[in-house]
Amino acid sequence: GDPAELAAQYDREGGDELVFLDIT
């Protein structure tokens, strides 16, 4: 999926933090 859309979803759902890894 899209990182910004997933980030917003996890923020709404109550994630305590978020990790973004540019894996390559």
PDB file of all heavy atoms in Angstrom:
ATOM      1  N   GLY A   1       0.786  -1.223   0.000  1.00  0.00           N
ATOM      2  CA  GLY A   1       0.000   0.000   0.000  1.00  0.00           C
ATOM      3  C   GLY A   1       0.818   1.272   0.000  1.00  0.00           C
ATOM      4  O   GLY A   1       2.047   1.261  -0.083  1.00  0.00           O
ATOM      5  N   ASP A   2       0.108   2.404   0.098  1.00  0.00           N
ATOM      6  CA  ASP A   2       0.714   3.729   0.114  1.00  0.00           C
ATOM      7  C   ASP A   2       1.165   4.069   1.531  1.00  0.00           C
ATOM      8  O   ASP A   2       0.380   3.938   2.483  1.00  0.00           O
ATOM      9  CB  ASP A   2      -0.299   4.762  -0.375  1.00  0.00           C
ATOM     10  CG  ASP A   2       0.254   6.167  -0.313  1.00  0.00           C
ATOM     11  OD1 ASP A   2       1.037   6.534  -1.209  1.00  0.00           O
ATOM     12  OD2 ASP A   2      -0.081   6.883   0.652  1.00  0.00           O
ATOM     13  N   PRO A   3       2.406   4.529   1.708  1.00  0.00           N
ATOM     14  CA  PRO A   3       2.902   4.764   3.067  1.00  0.00           C
ATOM     15  C   PRO A   3       2.128   5.824   3.841  1.00  0.00           C
ATOM     16  O   PRO A   3       1.869   5.649   5.037  1.00  0.00           O
ATOM     17  CB  PRO A   3       4.371   5.187   2.853  1.00  0.00           C
ATOM     18  CG  PRO A   3       4.505   5.492   1.408  1.00  0.00           C
ATOM     19  CD  PRO A   3       3.471   4.703   0.704  1.00  0.00           C
ATOM     20  N   ALA A   4       1.753   6.925   3.179  1.00  0.00           N
ATOM     21  CA  ALA A   4       1.021   7.974   3.890  1.00  0.00           C
ATOM     22  C   ALA A   4      -0.359   7.491   4.316  1.00  0.00           C
ATOM     23  O   ALA A   4      -0.828   7.787   5.427  1.00  0.00           O
ATOM     24  CB  ALA A   4       0.916   9.222   3.021  1.00  0.00           C
ATOM     25  N   GLU A   5      -1.032   6.743   3.444  1.00  0.00           N
ATOM     26  CA  GLU A   5      -2.364   6.226   3.784  1.00  0.00           C
ATOM     27  C   GLU A   5      -2.296   5.241   4.943  1.00  0.00           C
ATOM     28  O   GLU A   5      -3.127   5.280   5.864  1.00  0.00           O
ATOM     29  CB  GLU A   5      -2.989   5.562   2.555  1.00  0.00           C
ATOM     30  CG  GLU A   5      -3.374   6.539   1.455  1.00  0.00           C
ATOM     31  CD  GLU A   5      -3.906   5.835   0.217  1.00  0.00           C
ATOM     32  OE1 GLU A   5      -4.044   4.588   0.248  1.00  0.00           O
ATOM     33  OE2 GLU A   5      -4.187   6.527  -0.779  1.00  0.00           O
ATOM     34  N   LEU A   6      -1.303   4.346   4.902  1.00  0.00           N
ATOM     35  CA  LEU A   6      -1.164   3.383   5.999  1.00  0.00           C
ATOM     36  C   LEU A   6      -0.777   4.084   7.298  1.00  0.00           C
ATOM     37  O   LEU A   6      -1.268   3.732   8.376  1.00  0.00           O
ATOM     38  CB  LEU A   6      -0.120   2.323   5.643  1.00  0.00           C
ATOM     39  CG  LEU A   6      -0.581   1.217   4.697  1.00  0.00           C
ATOM     40  CD1 LEU A   6       0.598   0.340   4.294  1.00  0.00           C
ATOM     41  CD2 LEU A   6      -1.669   0.371   5.332  1.00  0.00           C
ATOM     42  N   ALA A   7       0.092   5.088   7.204  1.00  0.00           N
ATOM     43  CA  ALA A   7       0.492   5.827   8.398  1.00  0.00           C
ATOM     44  C   ALA A   7      -0.718   6.469   9.061  1.00  0.00           C
ATOM     45  O   ALA A   7      -0.883   6.399  10.289  1.00  0.00           O
ATOM     46  CB  ALA A   7       1.527   6.889   8.030  1.00  0.00           C
ATOM     47  N   ALA A   8      -1.573   7.104   8.256  1.00  0.00           N
ATOM     48  CA  ALA A   8      -2.769   7.744   8.803  1.00  0.00           C
ATOM     49  C   ALA A   8      -3.688   6.713   9.462  1.00  0.00           C
ATOM     50  O   ALA A   8      -4.270   6.959  10.529  1.00  0.00           O
ATOM     51  CB  ALA A   8      -3.514   8.479   7.686  1.00  0.00           C
ATOM     52  N   GLN A   9      -3.803   5.545   8.830  1.00  0.00           N
ATOM     53  CA  GLN A   9      -4.648   4.482   9.385  1.00  0.00           C
ATOM     54  C   GLN A   9      -4.121   4.025  10.732  1.00  0.00           C
ATOM     55  O   GLN A   9      -4.883   3.894  11.709  1.00  0.00           O
ATOM     56  CB  GLN A   9      -4.681   3.300   8.422  1.00  0.00           C
ATOM     57  CG  GLN A   9      -5.405   2.078   8.954  1.00  0.00           C
ATOM     58  CD  GLN A   9      -5.277   0.884   8.019  1.00  0.00           C
ATOM     59  OE1 GLN A   9      -5.219   1.042   6.800  1.00  0.00           O
ATOM     60  NE2 GLN A   9      -5.211  -0.307   8.590  1.00  0.00           N
ATOM     61  N   TYR A  10      -2.819   3.811  10.838  1.00  0.00           N
ATOM     62  CA  TYR A  10      -2.246   3.316  12.084  1.00  0.00           C
ATOM     63  C   TYR A  10      -2.288   4.371  13.182  1.00  0.00           C
ATOM     64  O   TYR A  10      -2.402   4.043  14.367  1.00  0.00           O
ATOM     65  CB  TYR A  10      -0.823   2.823  11.856  1.00  0.00           C
ATOM     66  CG  TYR A  10      -0.768   1.603  10.957  1.00  0.00           C
ATOM     67  CD1 TYR A  10       0.256   1.441  10.024  1.00  0.00           C
ATOM     68  CD2 TYR A  10      -1.748   0.618  11.029  1.00  0.00           C
ATOM     69  CE1 TYR A  10       0.301   0.323   9.194  1.00  0.00           C
ATOM     70  CE2 TYR A  10      -1.716  -0.494  10.204  1.00  0.00           C
ATOM     71  CZ  TYR A  10      -0.693  -0.630   9.291  1.00  0.00           C
ATOM     72  OH  TYR A  10      -0.651  -1.733   8.473  1.00  0.00           O
ATOM     73  N   ASP A  11      -2.198   5.623  12.798  1.00  0.00           N
ATOM     74  CA  ASP A  11      -2.342   6.695  13.777  1.00  0.00           C
ATOM     75  C   ASP A  11      -3.761   6.692  14.337  1.00  0.00           C
ATOM     76  O   ASP A  11      -3.966   6.775  15.551  1.00  0.00           O
ATOM     77  CB  ASP A  11      -2.028   8.042  13.113  1.00  0.00           C
ATOM     78  CG  ASP A  11      -2.073   9.194  14.095  1.00  0.00           C
ATOM     79  OD1 ASP A  11      -1.074   9.412  14.793  1.00  0.00           O
ATOM     80  OD2 ASP A  11      -3.120   9.877  14.161  1.00  0.00           O
ATOM     81  N   ARG A  12      -4.756   6.558  13.451  1.00  0.00           N
ATOM     82  CA  ARG A  12      -6.160   6.512  13.896  1.00  0.00           C
ATOM     83  C   ARG A  12      -6.438   5.310  14.776  1.00  0.00           C
ATOM     84  O   ARG A  12      -7.213   5.382  15.733  1.00  0.00           O
ATOM     85  CB  ARG A  12      -7.103   6.462  12.684  1.00  0.00           C
ATOM     86  CG  ARG A  12      -7.211   7.739  11.882  1.00  0.00           C
ATOM     87  CD  ARG A  12      -8.402   7.677  10.927  1.00  0.00           C
ATOM     88  NE  ARG A  12      -8.336   6.515  10.033  1.00  0.00           N
ATOM     89  CZ  ARG A  12      -7.748   6.518   8.842  1.00  0.00           C
ATOM     90  NH1 ARG A  12      -7.151   7.612   8.397  1.00  0.00           N
ATOM     91  NH2 ARG A  12      -7.746   5.423   8.081  1.00  0.00           N
ATOM     92  N   GLU A  13      -5.816   4.178  14.440  1.00  0.00           N
ATOM     93  CA  GLU A  13      -6.092   2.930  15.165  1.00  0.00           C
ATOM     94  C   GLU A  13      -5.432   2.872  16.541  1.00  0.00           C
ATOM     95  O   GLU A  13      -5.722   1.971  17.322  1.00  0.00           O
ATOM     96  CB  GLU A  13      -5.627   1.733  14.338  1.00  0.00           C
ATOM     97  CG  GLU A  13      -6.490   1.442  13.120  1.00  0.00           C
ATOM     98  CD  GLU A  13      -6.065   0.167  12.408  1.00  0.00           C
ATOM     99  OE1 GLU A  13      -5.088  -0.475  12.867  1.00  0.00           O
ATOM    100  OE2 GLU A  13      -6.697  -0.185  11.406  1.00  0.00           O
ATOM    101  N   GLY A  14      -4.532   3.797  16.828  1.00  0.00           N
ATOM    102  CA  GLY A  14      -3.931   3.822  18.150  1.00  0.00           C
ATOM    103  C   GLY A  14      -2.530   3.259  18.254  1.00  0.00           C
ATOM    104  O   GLY A  14      -2.101   2.874  19.348  1.00  0.00           O
ATOM    105  N   GLY A  15      -1.803   3.209  17.141  1.00  0.00           N
ATOM    106  CA  GLY A  15      -0.409   2.804  17.210  1.00  0.00           C
ATOM    107  C   GLY A  15       0.360   3.720  18.151  1.00  0.00           C
ATOM    108  O   GLY A  15       0.109   4.928  18.190  1.00  0.00           O
ATOM    109  N   ASP A  16       1.262   3.162  18.924  1.00  0.00           N
ATOM    110  CA  ASP A  16       2.018   3.971  19.887  1.00  0.00           C
ATOM    111  C   ASP A  16       3.126   4.755  19.202  1.00  0.00           C
ATOM    112  O   ASP A  16       3.463   5.871  19.618  1.00  0.00           O
ATOM    113  CB  ASP A  16       2.621   3.075  20.976  1.00  0.00           C
ATOM    114  CG  ASP A  16       1.543   2.435  21.824  1.00  0.00           C
ATOM    115  OD1 ASP A  16       0.736   3.177  22.403  1.00  0.00           O
ATOM    116  OD2 ASP A  16       1.497   1.196  21.886  1.00  0.00           O
ATOM    117  N   GLU A  17       3.702   4.176  18.183  1.00  0.00           N
ATOM    118  CA  GLU A  17       4.736   4.817  17.387  1.00  0.00           C
ATOM    119  C   GLU A  17       4.627   4.258  15.973  1.00  0.00           C
ATOM    120  O   GLU A  17       3.843   3.339  15.705  1.00  0.00           O
ATOM    121  CB  GLU A  17       6.146   4.543  17.957  1.00  0.00           C
ATOM    122  CG  GLU A  17       6.377   5.093  19.347  1.00  0.00           C
ATOM    123  CD  GLU A  17       7.828   4.956  19.806  1.00  0.00           C
ATOM    124  OE1 GLU A  17       8.724   4.799  18.943  1.00  0.00           O
ATOM    125  OE2 GLU A  17       8.060   5.014  21.017  1.00  0.00           O
ATOM    126  N   LEU A  18       5.447   4.796  15.074  1.00  0.00           N
ATOM    127  CA  LEU A  18       5.498   4.305  13.708  1.00  0.00           C
ATOM    128  C   LEU A  18       6.957   4.282  13.269  1.00  0.00           C
ATOM    129  O   LEU A  18       7.708   5.214  13.551  1.00  0.00           O
ATOM    130  CB  LEU A  18       4.689   5.222  12.783  1.00  0.00           C
ATOM    131  CG  LEU A  18       4.486   4.750  11.344  1.00  0.00           C
ATOM    132  CD1 LEU A  18       3.564   3.532  11.293  1.00  0.00           C
ATOM    133  CD2 LEU A  18       3.896   5.877  10.495  1.00  0.00           C
ATOM    134  N   VAL A  19       7.345   3.200  12.596  1.00  0.00           N
ATOM    135  CA  VAL A  19       8.696   3.097  12.041  1.00  0.00           C
ATOM    136  C   VAL A  19       8.606   3.070  10.524  1.00  0.00           C
ATOM    137  O   VAL A  19       7.847   2.287   9.952  1.00  0.00           O
ATOM    138  CB  VAL A  19       9.429   1.838  12.561  1.00  0.00           C
ATOM    139  CG1 VAL A  19      10.714   1.597  11.780  1.00  0.00           C
ATOM    140  CG2 VAL A  19       9.748   1.986  14.043  1.00  0.00           C
ATOM    141  N   PHE A  20       9.379   3.943   9.888  1.00  0.00           N
ATOM    142  CA  PHE A  20       9.454   4.040   8.430  1.00  0.00           C
ATOM    143  C   PHE A  20      10.872   3.646   8.032  1.00  0.00           C
ATOM    144  O   PHE A  20      11.839   4.293   8.438  1.00  0.00           O
ATOM    145  CB  PHE A  20       9.166   5.484   8.003  1.00  0.00           C
ATOM    146  CG  PHE A  20       9.386   5.771   6.534  1.00  0.00           C
ATOM    147  CD1 PHE A  20       8.308   5.933   5.671  1.00  0.00           C
ATOM    148  CD2 PHE A  20      10.661   5.920   6.012  1.00  0.00           C
ATOM    149  CE1 PHE A  20       8.513   6.225   4.326  1.00  0.00           C
ATOM    150  CE2 PHE A  20      10.872   6.216   4.672  1.00  0.00           C
ATOM    151  CZ  PHE A  20       9.793   6.363   3.826  1.00  0.00           C
ATOM    152  N   LEU A  21      11.014   2.578   7.245  1.00  0.00           N
ATOM    153  CA  LEU A  21      12.336   2.112   6.823  1.00  0.00           C
ATOM    154  C   LEU A  21      12.418   2.080   5.304  1.00  0.00           C
ATOM    155  O   LEU A  21      11.678   1.344   4.653  1.00  0.00           O
ATOM    156  CB  LEU A  21      12.619   0.706   7.391  1.00  0.00           C
ATOM    157  CG  LEU A  21      12.629   0.576   8.920  1.00  0.00           C
ATOM    158  CD1 LEU A  21      12.834  -0.871   9.321  1.00  0.00           C
ATOM    159  CD2 LEU A  21      13.706   1.463   9.536  1.00  0.00           C
ATOM    160  N   ASP A  22      13.316   2.890   4.759  1.00  0.00           N
ATOM    161  CA  ASP A  22      13.597   2.870   3.317  1.00  0.00           C
ATOM    162  C   ASP A  22      14.571   1.711   3.110  1.00  0.00           C
ATOM    163  O   ASP A  22      15.780   1.856   3.249  1.00  0.00           O
ATOM    164  CB  ASP A  22      14.209   4.202   2.903  1.00  0.00           C
ATOM    165  CG  ASP A  22      14.373   4.333   1.401  1.00  0.00           C
ATOM    166  OD1 ASP A  22      14.377   3.296   0.709  1.00  0.00           O
ATOM    167  OD2 ASP A  22      14.530   5.465   0.919  1.00  0.00           O
ATOM    168  N   ILE A  23      14.046   0.540   2.776  1.00  0.00           N
ATOM    169  CA  ILE A  23      14.817  -0.696   2.903  1.00  0.00           C
ATOM    170  C   ILE A  23      15.872  -0.907   1.827  1.00  0.00           C
ATOM    171  O   ILE A  23      16.718  -1.796   1.967  1.00  0.00           O
ATOM    172  CB  ILE A  23      13.888  -1.932   2.960  1.00  0.00           C
ATOM    173  CG1 ILE A  23      13.060  -2.049   1.676  1.00  0.00           C
ATOM    174  CG2 ILE A  23      13.001  -1.865   4.188  1.00  0.00           C
ATOM    175  CD1 ILE A  23      12.280  -3.338   1.583  1.00  0.00           C
ATOM    176  N   THR A  24      15.845  -0.113   0.755  1.00  0.00           N
ATOM    177  CA  THR A  24      16.868  -0.293  -0.282  1.00  0.00           C
ATOM    178  C   THR A  24      17.787   0.911  -0.400  1.00  0.00           C
ATOM    179  O   THR A  24      18.641   0.945  -1.284  1.00  0.00           O
ATOM    180  CB  THR A  24      16.217  -0.572  -1.647  1.00  0.00           C
ATOM    181  OG1 THR A  24      15.277   0.468  -1.947  1.00  0.00           O
ATOM    182  CG2 THR A  24      15.511  -1.914  -1.654  1.00  0.00           C
TER     183      THR A  24
END
